[in-house]
Amino acid sequence: MRTIPSSELIINDDGSIFHLHLRPEQLADTVILVGDPGRVELVASFFDTRECNVSNREFNTVTGTYKGKRMTVLSTGIGIGNIDISVTELDALANVDFETRQVKPELRRLTLLRLGTSGAIQPDIKVGEAVFSRMSIGFDGLLNYYKGRNEVCNLEYEQAFMRHTGWSDLLPKPYFAVADEGLFDLFRDSTREGITIAAPGFYAPQGRWVRLEPADAHLNEKIESFEYEGRRITNFEMESSALAGMASLMGHRAATICTIIAQRIALDACTDYKPFVKRMIRMALDKLATI
């Protein structure tokens, strides 16, 4: 059995994992992921009890209970790289013995639900709606670094998308990661099904032009017009693909739900979106408490 070197898995002197600063006993089986560190307190404000509150860099964590269900809420910060850190360290907390540095013989399965905000790219999706990312398109290339990526991605959609867009060889190959079907069934009646792009940046990777012009000024038009098996790409955000893909490879179940706060087609954005986010959080907590 492989012993994981200290350079590969860094454990702090207090027994916590390197970035998240959590100890294994502080992690619940149900984990809500948010980007904004300030949103951790918003989610935790719904909890009935709290047992720990840990903070390091952009990673804030509260573990407590909601309607008797033990849950952890963790902020990941912005971007795919932080999802790589967060999901790897959450899995290690659950499935690596920190004393022996070996994977435990019996693996623990986590439920990871990201609650985020997003911009819609289809005209019929309204600000305030909640979109469930049944499939997520990674523009970042992260999953391509992991063995087994083809087994957890929809390769037919990948090929159709690259043909439709005339995908540039200079860009990372996109991957189409699939969310957990059980979570999709759980949230089917409370969200809109979507295919979400997870971009590696907020500006040019999402077609925005401030001073630096995007390499393909028409890429968003190609994205908006893509349709395969009757399904369209619905929205942009920055984390969902790595979450779905890495969780699938590790045997966890994961999904992303985003409140729409901008309508890219109508060139409209809502800055007072907190009521929509609070509604999404309560809905998600109520659903998660039943499983």
C-alpha atoms as a PDB file:
ATOM      1  CA  MET A   1       0.000   0.000   0.000  1.00  0.00           C
ATOM      2  CA  ARG A   2       1.316   3.442  -0.951  1.00  0.00           C
ATOM      3  CA  THR A   3       2.422   5.774   1.819  1.00  0.00           C
ATOM      4  CA  ILE A   4       1.765   9.356   0.735  1.00  0.00           C
ATOM      5  CA  PRO A   5       4.917  11.494   1.175  1.00  0.00           C
ATOM      6  CA  SER A   6       4.736  14.614   3.326  1.00  0.00           C
ATOM      7  CA  SER A   7       5.544  16.710   0.246  1.00  0.00           C
ATOM      8  CA  GLU A   8       2.385  15.366  -1.476  1.00  0.00           C
ATOM      9  CA  LEU A   9       0.034  15.739   1.493  1.00  0.00           C
ATOM     10  CA  ILE A  10       1.068  18.469   3.910  1.00  0.00           C
ATOM     11  CA  ILE A  11      -0.299  18.141   7.441  1.00  0.00           C
ATOM     12  CA  ASN A  12       0.101  21.060   9.829  1.00  0.00           C
ATOM     13  CA  ASP A  13       1.588  20.675  13.312  1.00  0.00           C
ATOM     14  CA  ASP A  14      -1.882  20.789  14.869  1.00  0.00           C
ATOM     15  CA  GLY A  15      -3.052  17.802  12.801  1.00  0.00           C
ATOM     16  CA  SER A  16      -4.989  19.878  10.285  1.00  0.00           C
ATOM     17  CA  ILE A  17      -4.648  19.725   6.523  1.00  0.00           C
ATOM     18  CA  PHE A  18      -2.445  22.347   4.869  1.00  0.00           C
ATOM     19  CA  HIS A  19      -4.779  24.846   3.164  1.00  0.00           C
ATOM     20  CA  LEU A  20      -8.174  24.259   4.751  1.00  0.00           C
ATOM     21  CA  HIS A  21      -6.729  23.979   8.304  1.00  0.00           C
ATOM     22  CA  LEU A  22      -9.391  21.368   9.111  1.00  0.00           C
ATOM     23  CA  ARG A  23      -8.908  18.213  11.138  1.00  0.00           C
ATOM     24  CA  PRO A  24     -10.667  15.024   9.988  1.00  0.00           C
ATOM     25  CA  GLU A  25     -13.177  15.037  12.842  1.00  0.00           C
ATOM     26  CA  GLN A  26     -14.347  18.548  11.880  1.00  0.00           C
ATOM     27  CA  LEU A  27     -15.695  17.446   8.485  1.00  0.00           C
ATOM     28  CA  ALA A  28     -19.313  16.412   7.956  1.00  0.00           C
ATOM     29  CA  ASP A  29     -20.392  14.016   5.201  1.00  0.00           C
ATOM     30  CA  THR A  30     -22.478  16.784   3.592  1.00  0.00           C
ATOM     31  CA  VAL A  31     -20.441  19.789   2.440  1.00  0.00           C
ATOM     32  CA  ILE A  32     -21.771  23.023   0.964  1.00  0.00           C
ATOM     33  CA  LEU A  33     -19.202  24.928  -1.079  1.00  0.00           C
ATOM     34  CA  VAL A  34     -19.440  28.665  -1.698  1.00  0.00           C
ATOM     35  CA  GLY A  35     -16.995  30.970  -3.425  1.00  0.00           C
ATOM     36  CA  ASP A  36     -17.283  34.068  -1.258  1.00  0.00           C
ATOM     37  CA  PRO A  37     -15.800  33.673   2.250  1.00  0.00           C
ATOM     38  CA  GLY A  38     -18.485  36.058   3.494  1.00  0.00           C
ATOM     39  CA  ARG A  39     -21.206  33.712   2.271  1.00  0.00           C
ATOM     40  CA  VAL A  40     -20.143  31.046   4.784  1.00  0.00           C
ATOM     41  CA  GLU A  41     -21.723  33.064   7.578  1.00  0.00           C
ATOM     42  CA  LEU A  42     -24.870  33.512   5.512  1.00  0.00           C
ATOM     43  CA  VAL A  43     -25.242  29.742   5.097  1.00  0.00           C
ATOM     44  CA  ALA A  44     -24.264  29.037   8.712  1.00  0.00           C
ATOM     45  CA  SER A  45     -26.854  31.557   9.937  1.00  0.00           C
ATOM     46  CA  PHE A  46     -29.477  28.937   9.040  1.00  0.00           C
ATOM     47  CA  PHE A  47     -27.782  26.251  11.178  1.00  0.00           C
ATOM     48  CA  ASP A  48     -29.368  25.164  14.450  1.00  0.00           C
ATOM     49  CA  THR A  49     -26.003  24.414  16.082  1.00  0.00           C
ATOM     50  CA  ARG A  50     -22.319  25.077  15.375  1.00  0.00           C
ATOM     51  CA  GLU A  51     -19.374  22.976  16.512  1.00  0.00           C
ATOM     52  CA  CYS A  52     -16.389  24.639  14.815  1.00  0.00           C
ATOM     53  CA  ASN A  53     -15.410  27.755  12.910  1.00  0.00           C
ATOM     54  CA  VAL A  54     -12.055  27.627  11.101  1.00  0.00           C
ATOM     55  CA  SER A  55     -10.443  30.215   8.832  1.00  0.00           C
ATOM     56  CA  ASN A  56      -7.272  30.269   6.721  1.00  0.00           C
ATOM     57  CA  ARG A  57      -6.758  32.562   3.731  1.00  0.00           C
ATOM     58  CA  GLU A  58      -9.951  32.432   1.635  1.00  0.00           C
ATOM     59  CA  PHE A  59     -10.957  29.101   3.149  1.00  0.00           C
ATOM     60  CA  ASN A  60     -13.564  29.694   5.862  1.00  0.00           C
ATOM     61  CA  THR A  61     -15.365  26.709   7.355  1.00  0.00           C
ATOM     62  CA  VAL A  62     -18.261  26.176   9.737  1.00  0.00           C
ATOM     63  CA  THR A  63     -19.553  22.743  10.733  1.00  0.00           C
ATOM     64  CA  GLY A  64     -22.897  22.440  12.471  1.00  0.00           C
ATOM     65  CA  THR A  65     -26.377  20.979  12.113  1.00  0.00           C
ATOM     66  CA  TYR A  66     -29.486  21.938  10.180  1.00  0.00           C
ATOM     67  CA  LYS A  67     -32.727  20.167  11.118  1.00  0.00           C
ATOM     68  CA  GLY A  68     -30.621  17.517  12.803  1.00  0.00           C
ATOM     69  CA  LYS A  69     -28.377  16.926   9.773  1.00  0.00           C
ATOM     70  CA  ARG A  70     -24.656  17.520  10.296  1.00  0.00           C
ATOM     71  CA  MET A  71     -23.223  19.754   7.566  1.00  0.00           C
ATOM     72  CA  THR A  72     -20.056  21.650   6.732  1.00  0.00           C
ATOM     73  CA  VAL A  73     -20.013  24.892   4.761  1.00  0.00           C
ATOM     74  CA  LEU A  74     -16.680  25.877   3.186  1.00  0.00           C
ATOM     75  CA  SER A  75     -15.625  28.842   1.079  1.00  0.00           C
ATOM     76  CA  THR A  76     -13.292  28.002  -1.781  1.00  0.00           C
ATOM     77  CA  GLY A  77     -12.543  31.445  -3.151  1.00  0.00           C
ATOM     78  CA  ILE A  78     -12.697  32.046  -6.896  1.00  0.00           C
ATOM     79  CA  GLY A  79     -11.544  29.692  -9.608  1.00  0.00           C
ATOM     80  CA  ILE A  80     -10.739  26.160 -10.669  1.00  0.00           C
ATOM     81  CA  GLY A  81      -7.359  26.041  -8.915  1.00  0.00           C
ATOM     82  CA  ASN A  82      -9.016  26.488  -5.541  1.00  0.00           C
ATOM     83  CA  ILE A  83     -11.456  23.678  -6.338  1.00  0.00           C
ATOM     84  CA  ASP A  84      -8.459  21.431  -7.027  1.00  0.00           C
ATOM     85  CA  ILE A  85      -7.176  22.279  -3.545  1.00  0.00           C
ATOM     86  CA  SER A  86     -10.522  22.078  -1.763  1.00  0.00           C
ATOM     87  CA  VAL A  87     -11.773  18.799  -3.203  1.00  0.00           C
ATOM     88  CA  THR A  88      -8.403  17.063  -2.829  1.00  0.00           C
ATOM     89  CA  GLU A  89      -8.078  18.128   0.809  1.00  0.00           C
ATOM     90  CA  LEU A  90     -11.707  17.306   1.655  1.00  0.00           C
ATOM     91  CA  ASP A  91     -11.189  13.833   0.226  1.00  0.00           C
ATOM     92  CA  ALA A  92      -7.964  13.438   2.192  1.00  0.00           C
ATOM     93  CA  LEU A  93      -9.744  14.452   5.405  1.00  0.00           C
ATOM     94  CA  ALA A  94     -12.330  11.765   4.729  1.00  0.00           C
ATOM     95  CA  ASN A  95     -10.245   8.950   3.288  1.00  0.00           C
ATOM     96  CA  VAL A  96      -6.596   9.229   4.334  1.00  0.00           C
ATOM     97  CA  ASP A  97      -5.282   8.092   7.722  1.00  0.00           C
ATOM     98  CA  PHE A  98      -3.162  11.043   8.826  1.00  0.00           C
ATOM     99  CA  GLU A  99      -1.060   8.827  11.140  1.00  0.00           C
ATOM    100  CA  THR A 100      -0.044   6.220   8.536  1.00  0.00           C
ATOM    101  CA  ARG A 101      -0.428   8.500   5.500  1.00  0.00           C
ATOM    102  CA  GLN A 102      -2.237   5.681   3.736  1.00  0.00           C
ATOM    103  CA  VAL A 103      -5.662   5.532   2.127  1.00  0.00           C
ATOM    104  CA  LYS A 104      -8.199   3.960   4.483  1.00  0.00           C
ATOM    105  CA  PRO A 105      -9.494   0.494   3.534  1.00  0.00           C
ATOM    106  CA  GLU A 106     -13.099   1.680   3.692  1.00  0.00           C
ATOM    107  CA  LEU A 107     -13.788   4.876   1.798  1.00  0.00           C
ATOM    108  CA  ARG A 108     -16.170   7.568   3.003  1.00  0.00           C
ATOM    109  CA  ARG A 109     -18.445   9.117   0.393  1.00  0.00           C
ATOM    110  CA  LEU A 110     -19.036  12.863   0.641  1.00  0.00           C
ATOM    111  CA  THR A 111     -21.885  14.906  -0.778  1.00  0.00           C
ATOM    112  CA  LEU A 112     -20.484  18.152  -2.192  1.00  0.00           C
ATOM    113  CA  LEU A 113     -22.904  20.854  -3.306  1.00  0.00           C
ATOM    114  CA  ARG A 114     -21.635  24.150  -4.646  1.00  0.00           C
ATOM    115  CA  LEU A 115     -23.997  27.102  -4.270  1.00  0.00           C
ATOM    116  CA  GLY A 116     -22.888  29.974  -6.459  1.00  0.00           C
ATOM    117  CA  THR A 117     -23.889  32.884  -8.648  1.00  0.00           C
ATOM    118  CA  SER A 118     -23.786  32.938 -12.402  1.00  0.00           C
ATOM    119  CA  GLY A 119     -24.537  34.751 -15.650  1.00  0.00           C
ATOM    120  CA  ALA A 120     -27.098  33.311 -18.077  1.00  0.00           C
ATOM    121  CA  ILE A 121     -26.350  33.136 -21.811  1.00  0.00           C
ATOM    122  CA  GLN A 122     -29.814  32.134 -23.042  1.00  0.00           C
ATOM    123  CA  PRO A 123     -32.573  34.760 -23.333  1.00  0.00           C
ATOM    124  CA  ASP A 124     -35.283  32.682 -21.629  1.00  0.00           C
ATOM    125  CA  ILE A 125     -33.305  32.282 -18.373  1.00  0.00           C
ATOM    126  CA  LYS A 126     -34.221  35.058 -15.971  1.00  0.00           C
ATOM    127  CA  VAL A 127     -32.295  36.801 -13.208  1.00  0.00           C
ATOM    128  CA  GLY A 128     -33.210  35.125  -9.916  1.00  0.00           C
ATOM    129  CA  GLU A 129     -33.614  31.610 -11.303  1.00  0.00           C
ATOM    130  CA  ALA A 130     -31.587  28.705  -9.900  1.00  0.00           C
ATOM    131  CA  VAL A 131     -29.761  26.575 -12.491  1.00  0.00           C
ATOM    132  CA  PHE A 132     -28.586  23.037 -11.722  1.00  0.00           C
ATOM    133  CA  SER A 133     -25.410  22.249 -13.690  1.00  0.00           C
ATOM    134  CA  ARG A 134     -26.243  18.746 -14.850  1.00  0.00           C
ATOM    135  CA  MET A 135     -23.176  18.949 -17.061  1.00  0.00           C
ATOM    136  CA  SER A 136     -20.249  21.356 -16.738  1.00  0.00           C
ATOM    137  CA  ILE A 137     -17.764  22.335 -19.428  1.00  0.00           C
ATOM    138  CA  GLY A 138     -14.262  22.954 -18.149  1.00  0.00           C
ATOM    139  CA  PHE A 139     -12.389  25.539 -20.217  1.00  0.00           C
ATOM    140  CA  ASP A 140      -9.484  25.288 -17.764  1.00  0.00           C
ATOM    141  CA  GLY A 141      -7.972  21.907 -18.634  1.00  0.00           C
ATOM    142  CA  LEU A 142      -7.623  20.836 -14.978  1.00  0.00           C
ATOM    143  CA  LEU A 143      -9.241  17.410 -15.290  1.00  0.00           C
ATOM    144  CA  ASN A 144      -6.943  16.574 -18.214  1.00  0.00           C
ATOM    145  CA  TYR A 145      -4.110  16.298 -15.669  1.00  0.00           C
ATOM    146  CA  TYR A 146      -5.875  13.429 -13.853  1.00  0.00           C
ATOM    147  CA  LYS A 147      -5.898   9.791 -14.892  1.00  0.00           C
ATOM    148  CA  GLY A 148      -9.343   8.514 -15.817  1.00  0.00           C
ATOM    149  CA  ARG A 149     -10.838  11.800 -17.035  1.00  0.00           C
ATOM    150  CA  ASN A 150     -12.437  10.116 -20.062  1.00  0.00           C
ATOM    151  CA  GLU A 151     -14.379   7.752 -17.802  1.00  0.00           C
ATOM    152  CA  VAL A 152     -16.193  10.600 -16.030  1.00  0.00           C
ATOM    153  CA  CYS A 153     -16.777  12.913 -19.019  1.00  0.00           C
ATOM    154  CA  ASN A 154     -19.242  12.945 -21.899  1.00  0.00           C
ATOM    155  CA  LEU A 155     -16.905  12.547 -24.869  1.00  0.00           C
ATOM    156  CA  GLU A 156     -19.623  12.847 -27.525  1.00  0.00           C
ATOM    157  CA  TYR A 157     -20.570  16.306 -26.270  1.00  0.00           C
ATOM    158  CA  GLU A 158     -16.899  17.303 -26.160  1.00  0.00           C
ATOM    159  CA  GLN A 159     -16.332  16.392 -29.809  1.00  0.00           C
ATOM    160  CA  ALA A 160     -19.572  18.040 -30.970  1.00  0.00           C
ATOM    161  CA  PHE A 161     -18.721  21.236 -29.074  1.00  0.00           C
ATOM    162  CA  MET A 162     -15.179  21.479 -30.445  1.00  0.00           C
ATOM    163  CA  ARG A 163     -16.452  20.961 -33.993  1.00  0.00           C
ATOM    164  CA  HIS A 164     -19.182  23.567 -33.573  1.00  0.00           C
ATOM    165  CA  THR A 165     -16.891  26.247 -32.145  1.00  0.00           C
ATOM    166  CA  GLY A 166     -13.819  25.499 -34.261  1.00  0.00           C
ATOM    167  CA  TRP A 167     -11.941  25.118 -30.980  1.00  0.00           C
ATOM    168  CA  SER A 168      -8.458  26.647 -31.103  1.00  0.00           C
ATOM    169  CA  ASP A 169      -5.410  24.425 -30.617  1.00  0.00           C
ATOM    170  CA  LEU A 170      -3.979  27.171 -28.398  1.00  0.00           C
ATOM    171  CA  LEU A 171      -6.689  26.584 -25.770  1.00  0.00           C
ATOM    172  CA  PRO A 172      -6.902  23.698 -23.263  1.00  0.00           C
ATOM    173  CA  LYS A 173      -9.128  20.873 -24.463  1.00  0.00           C
ATOM    174  CA  PRO A 174     -12.562  21.358 -22.870  1.00  0.00           C
ATOM    175  CA  TYR A 175     -14.002  18.547 -20.763  1.00  0.00           C
ATOM    176  CA  PHE A 176     -17.683  17.851 -20.120  1.00  0.00           C
ATOM    177  CA  ALA A 177     -18.072  16.630 -16.523  1.00  0.00           C
ATOM    178  CA  VAL A 178     -21.384  15.185 -15.356  1.00  0.00           C
ATOM    179  CA  ALA A 179     -23.032  15.960 -12.002  1.00  0.00           C
ATOM    180  CA  ASP A 180     -24.317  13.253  -9.688  1.00  0.00           C
ATOM    181  CA  GLU A 181     -27.656  11.943 -10.968  1.00  0.00           C
ATOM    182  CA  GLY A 182     -29.005  11.396  -7.459  1.00  0.00           C
ATOM    183  CA  LEU A 183     -28.485  15.057  -6.648  1.00  0.00           C
ATOM    184  CA  PHE A 184     -30.093  16.042  -9.932  1.00  0.00           C
ATOM    185  CA  ASP A 185     -33.170  14.011  -8.989  1.00  0.00           C
ATOM    186  CA  LEU A 186     -33.204  15.631  -5.535  1.00  0.00           C
ATOM    187  CA  PHE A 187     -33.228  19.165  -6.954  1.00  0.00           C
ATOM    188  CA  ARG A 188     -35.135  18.500 -10.174  1.00  0.00           C
ATOM    189  CA  ASP A 189     -38.347  20.155  -8.966  1.00  0.00           C
ATOM    190  CA  SER A 190     -36.656  23.284  -7.583  1.00  0.00           C
ATOM    191  CA  THR A 191     -34.133  24.235 -10.277  1.00  0.00           C
ATOM    192  CA  ARG A 192     -33.713  24.589 -14.021  1.00  0.00           C
ATOM    193  CA  GLU A 193     -31.510  21.969 -15.671  1.00  0.00           C
ATOM    194  CA  GLY A 194     -28.463  23.458 -17.338  1.00  0.00           C
ATOM    195  CA  ILE A 195     -25.138  22.922 -19.052  1.00  0.00           C
ATOM    196  CA  THR A 196     -22.661  25.285 -17.445  1.00  0.00           C
ATOM    197  CA  ILE A 197     -19.322  26.603 -18.655  1.00  0.00           C
ATOM    198  CA  ALA A 198     -16.642  26.854 -15.982  1.00  0.00           C
ATOM    199  CA  ALA A 199     -14.206  29.460 -17.268  1.00  0.00           C
ATOM    200  CA  PRO A 200     -10.614  29.950 -16.022  1.00  0.00           C
ATOM    201  CA  GLY A 201     -11.149  33.703 -15.781  1.00  0.00           C
ATOM    202  CA  PHE A 202     -13.842  36.359 -15.485  1.00  0.00           C
ATOM    203  CA  TYR A 203     -12.986  38.528 -18.465  1.00  0.00           C
ATOM    204  CA  ALA A 204     -11.762  37.209 -21.850  1.00  0.00           C
ATOM    205  CA  PRO A 205     -12.483  33.532 -20.984  1.00  0.00           C
ATOM    206  CA  GLN A 206     -16.127  34.580 -20.609  1.00  0.00           C
ATOM    207  CA  GLY A 207     -16.075  36.839 -23.659  1.00  0.00           C
ATOM    208  CA  ARG A 208     -15.697  40.142 -21.791  1.00  0.00           C
ATOM    209  CA  TRP A 209     -13.669  42.917 -23.402  1.00  0.00           C
ATOM    210  CA  VAL A 210     -12.328  45.740 -21.244  1.00  0.00           C
ATOM    211  CA  ARG A 211      -8.957  46.687 -22.754  1.00  0.00           C
ATOM    212  CA  LEU A 212      -7.620  43.285 -23.828  1.00  0.00           C
ATOM    213  CA  GLU A 213      -9.598  41.918 -26.772  1.00  0.00           C
ATOM    214  CA  PRO A 214     -10.585  38.211 -26.636  1.00  0.00           C
ATOM    215  CA  ALA A 215      -8.712  36.023 -29.121  1.00  0.00           C
ATOM    216  CA  ASP A 216     -12.030  34.863 -30.587  1.00  0.00           C
ATOM    217  CA  ALA A 217     -14.499  37.738 -30.411  1.00  0.00           C
ATOM    218  CA  HIS A 218     -17.271  35.430 -31.658  1.00  0.00           C
ATOM    219  CA  LEU A 219     -16.758  32.531 -29.249  1.00  0.00           C
ATOM    220  CA  ASN A 220     -19.737  33.474 -27.073  1.00  0.00           C
ATOM    221  CA  GLU A 221     -21.996  33.518 -30.145  1.00  0.00           C
ATOM    222  CA  LYS A 222     -20.840  29.989 -30.999  1.00  0.00           C
ATOM    223  CA  ILE A 223     -21.416  28.895 -27.396  1.00  0.00           C
ATOM    224  CA  GLU A 224     -24.913  30.364 -27.346  1.00  0.00           C
ATOM    225  CA  SER A 225     -25.856  28.645 -30.623  1.00  0.00           C
ATOM    226  CA  PHE A 226     -24.476  25.212 -29.654  1.00  0.00           C
ATOM    227  CA  GLU A 227     -27.147  22.541 -29.299  1.00  0.00           C
ATOM    228  CA  TYR A 228     -26.703  18.802 -28.971  1.00  0.00           C
ATOM    229  CA  GLU A 229     -29.407  16.215 -28.307  1.00  0.00           C
ATOM    230  CA  GLY A 230     -31.810  19.103 -27.748  1.00  0.00           C
ATOM    231  CA  ARG A 231     -29.732  20.633 -24.933  1.00  0.00           C
ATOM    232  CA  ARG A 232     -28.151  24.089 -24.838  1.00  0.00           C
ATOM    233  CA  ILE A 233     -25.409  25.727 -22.812  1.00  0.00           C
ATOM    234  CA  THR A 234     -27.133  27.877 -20.206  1.00  0.00           C
ATOM    235  CA  ASN A 235     -24.664  29.841 -18.078  1.00  0.00           C
ATOM    236  CA  PHE A 236     -21.121  30.826 -17.145  1.00  0.00           C
ATOM    237  CA  GLU A 237     -19.337  30.431 -13.818  1.00  0.00           C
ATOM    238  CA  MET A 238     -15.847  29.403 -12.710  1.00  0.00           C
ATOM    239  CA  GLU A 239     -15.798  26.227 -10.603  1.00  0.00           C
ATOM    240  CA  SER A 240     -18.436  23.605 -11.473  1.00  0.00           C
ATOM    241  CA  SER A 241     -16.512  21.406 -13.926  1.00  0.00           C
ATOM    242  CA  ALA A 242     -13.572  20.631 -11.649  1.00  0.00           C
ATOM    243  CA  LEU A 243     -15.946  19.904  -8.769  1.00  0.00           C
ATOM    244  CA  ALA A 244     -18.066  17.454 -10.759  1.00  0.00           C
ATOM    245  CA  GLY A 245     -15.108  15.790 -12.456  1.00  0.00           C
ATOM    246  CA  MET A 246     -12.837  15.370  -9.448  1.00  0.00           C
ATOM    247  CA  ALA A 247     -15.675  14.177  -7.223  1.00  0.00           C
ATOM    248  CA  SER A 248     -16.633  11.535  -9.796  1.00  0.00           C
ATOM    249  CA  LEU A 249     -13.048  10.292  -9.994  1.00  0.00           C
ATOM    250  CA  MET A 250     -12.894  10.051  -6.190  1.00  0.00           C
ATOM    251  CA  GLY A 251     -16.267   8.361  -5.751  1.00  0.00           C
ATOM    252  CA  HIS A 252     -18.029  11.316  -4.140  1.00  0.00           C
ATOM    253  CA  ARG A 253     -21.252  12.827  -5.364  1.00  0.00           C
ATOM    254  CA  ALA A 254     -21.208  16.465  -6.353  1.00  0.00           C
ATOM    255  CA  ALA A 255     -23.187  19.141  -8.143  1.00  0.00           C
ATOM    256  CA  THR A 256     -23.452  22.893  -8.616  1.00  0.00           C
ATOM    257  CA  ILE A 257     -26.502  25.125  -8.309  1.00  0.00           C
ATOM    258  CA  CYS A 258     -26.167  28.776  -9.266  1.00  0.00           C
ATOM    259  CA  THR A 259     -28.498  31.720  -8.840  1.00  0.00           C
ATOM    260  CA  ILE A 260     -28.605  33.750 -12.027  1.00  0.00           C
ATOM    261  CA  ILE A 261     -27.549  37.330 -11.251  1.00  0.00           C
ATOM    262  CA  ALA A 262     -26.714  38.514 -14.769  1.00  0.00           C
ATOM    263  CA  GLN A 263     -28.308  38.127 -18.178  1.00  0.00           C
ATOM    264  CA  ARG A 264     -25.478  38.289 -20.706  1.00  0.00           C
ATOM    265  CA  ILE A 265     -27.803  38.439 -23.734  1.00  0.00           C
ATOM    266  CA  ALA A 266     -29.844  41.345 -22.359  1.00  0.00           C
ATOM    267  CA  LEU A 267     -26.606  42.949 -21.067  1.00  0.00           C
ATOM    268  CA  ASP A 268     -28.289  43.193 -17.673  1.00  0.00           C
ATOM    269  CA  ALA A 269     -26.974  42.471 -14.173  1.00  0.00           C
ATOM    270  CA  CYS A 270     -28.495  42.555 -10.697  1.00  0.00           C
ATOM    271  CA  THR A 271     -26.270  43.800  -7.873  1.00  0.00           C
ATOM    272  CA  ASP A 272     -28.968  43.364  -5.198  1.00  0.00           C
ATOM    273  CA  TYR A 273     -29.145  39.589  -5.536  1.00  0.00           C
ATOM    274  CA  LYS A 274     -28.878  38.580  -1.863  1.00  0.00           C
ATOM    275  CA  PRO A 275     -32.609  37.698  -1.545  1.00  0.00           C
ATOM    276  CA  PHE A 276     -32.272  35.292  -4.480  1.00  0.00           C
ATOM    277  CA  VAL A 277     -29.170  33.704  -2.937  1.00  0.00           C
ATOM    278  CA  LYS A 278     -30.860  33.318   0.461  1.00  0.00           C
ATOM    279  CA  ARG A 279     -33.798  31.595  -1.217  1.00  0.00           C
ATOM    280  CA  MET A 280     -31.408  29.171  -2.965  1.00  0.00           C
ATOM    281  CA  ILE A 281     -29.551  28.440   0.287  1.00  0.00           C
ATOM    282  CA  ARG A 282     -32.689  27.637   2.259  1.00  0.00           C
ATOM    283  CA  MET A 283     -34.027  25.443  -0.531  1.00  0.00           C
ATOM    284  CA  ALA A 284     -30.711  23.556  -0.734  1.00  0.00           C
ATOM    285  CA  LEU A 285     -30.468  23.060   3.028  1.00  0.00           C
ATOM    286  CA  ASP A 286     -34.019  21.766   3.208  1.00  0.00           C
ATOM    287  CA  LYS A 287     -33.322  19.242   0.429  1.00  0.00           C
ATOM    288  CA  LEU A 288     -29.969  18.114   1.826  1.00  0.00           C
ATOM    289  CA  ALA A 289     -31.470  17.585   5.278  1.00  0.00           C
ATOM    290  CA  THR A 290     -33.653  14.817   3.833  1.00  0.00           C
ATOM    291  CA  ILE A 291     -30.836  12.597   2.558  1.00  0.00           C
END
